[in-house]
Amino acid sequence: MVDDLRLAASKMTGAERRSFQAEMCLKYCGGSARQTEIVFGWGRKNVQLGLHEKRTGIVCLGLQSVNSGCKKW
């Protein structure tokens, strides 16, 4: 089961992946990002960010998506 969840997360990107990881964290690890890191091997900071996004409803954008297509000064 753990391998299937890892595979599913590897097929997603960005906010979708963080949301999925946060859901699995809440469901299987009691909301502990550290435990999720141990069980699933996902980055703790990504899981924490996903939990914060879920709590606040605000989705964080990475620098790549903000600057893509924009010319630098």
Protein backbone atom coordinates (compact mmCIF):
# COMPACT_ATOMS: atom_id res chain seq x y z
CA MET A 1 0.00 0.00 0.00
CA VAL A 2 2.83 2.41 0.82
CA ASP A 3 4.41 1.82 -2.58
CA ASP A 4 1.10 2.58 -4.31
CA LEU A 5 0.77 5.88 -2.44
CA ARG A 6 4.37 6.82 -3.29
CA LEU A 7 3.71 6.06 -6.95
CA ALA A 8 0.53 8.14 -6.95
CA ALA A 9 2.36 11.11 -5.40
CA SER A 10 5.19 10.83 -7.92
CA LYS A 11 2.72 11.30 -10.79
CA MET A 12 1.49 14.64 -9.38
CA THR A 13 3.18 18.02 -9.29
CA GLY A 14 3.07 21.19 -7.22
CA ALA A 15 0.04 22.04 -5.13
CA GLU A 16 -1.79 18.87 -6.19
CA ARG A 17 1.02 16.71 -4.80
CA ARG A 18 1.24 18.70 -1.56
CA SER A 19 -2.51 18.43 -1.09
CA PHE A 20 -2.38 14.66 -1.59
CA GLN A 21 0.55 14.31 0.80
CA ALA A 22 -1.25 16.39 3.43
CA GLU A 23 -4.35 14.21 3.11
CA MET A 24 -2.30 11.04 3.58
CA CYS A 25 -0.50 12.66 6.51
CA LEU A 26 -3.79 13.41 8.24
CA LYS A 27 -5.29 10.03 7.40
CA TYR A 28 -2.42 7.68 8.22
CA CYS A 29 0.02 9.63 10.40
CA GLY A 30 -2.19 11.70 12.66
CA GLY A 31 -1.12 14.97 11.05
CA SER A 32 2.57 14.50 11.87
CA ALA A 33 4.82 15.59 8.99
CA ARG A 34 7.78 13.91 10.70
CA GLN A 35 5.97 10.56 10.85
CA THR A 36 4.90 10.97 7.22
CA GLU A 37 8.53 11.51 6.25
CA ILE A 38 9.50 8.27 7.99
CA VAL A 39 6.62 6.16 6.64
CA PHE A 40 6.34 7.43 3.06
CA GLY A 41 9.75 8.98 2.46
CA TRP A 42 8.26 12.33 1.40
CA GLY A 43 9.97 15.59 2.29
CA ARG A 44 8.80 16.92 5.64
CA LYS A 45 8.80 20.54 4.45
CA ASN A 46 6.56 19.68 1.49
CA VAL A 47 4.11 17.89 3.77
CA GLN A 48 4.15 20.80 6.25
CA LEU A 49 3.49 23.26 3.43
CA GLY A 50 0.61 21.08 2.21
CA LEU A 51 -0.86 21.02 5.72
CA HIS A 52 -0.59 24.81 5.98
CA GLU A 53 -2.20 25.24 2.55
CA LYS A 54 -5.03 22.94 3.59
CA ARG A 55 -5.53 24.78 6.88
CA THR A 56 -5.53 28.30 5.42
CA GLY A 57 -6.97 27.61 1.96
CA ILE A 58 -4.15 29.66 0.38
CA VAL A 59 -2.08 27.84 -2.26
CA CYS A 60 1.59 28.84 -2.39
CA LEU A 61 3.22 29.36 -5.76
CA GLY A 62 6.79 28.38 -6.46
CA LEU A 63 9.20 30.88 -7.93
CA GLN A 64 9.31 28.89 -11.17
CA SER A 65 5.59 29.31 -11.85
CA VAL A 66 5.68 33.00 -10.94
CA ASN A 67 8.58 33.84 -13.27
CA SER A 68 7.92 31.48 -16.15
CA GLY A 69 7.68 33.37 -19.40
CA CYS A 70 8.64 36.69 -17.85
CA LYS A 71 11.74 38.48 -19.04
CA LYS A 72 14.19 39.55 -16.40
CA TRP A 73 14.93 43.26 -16.06
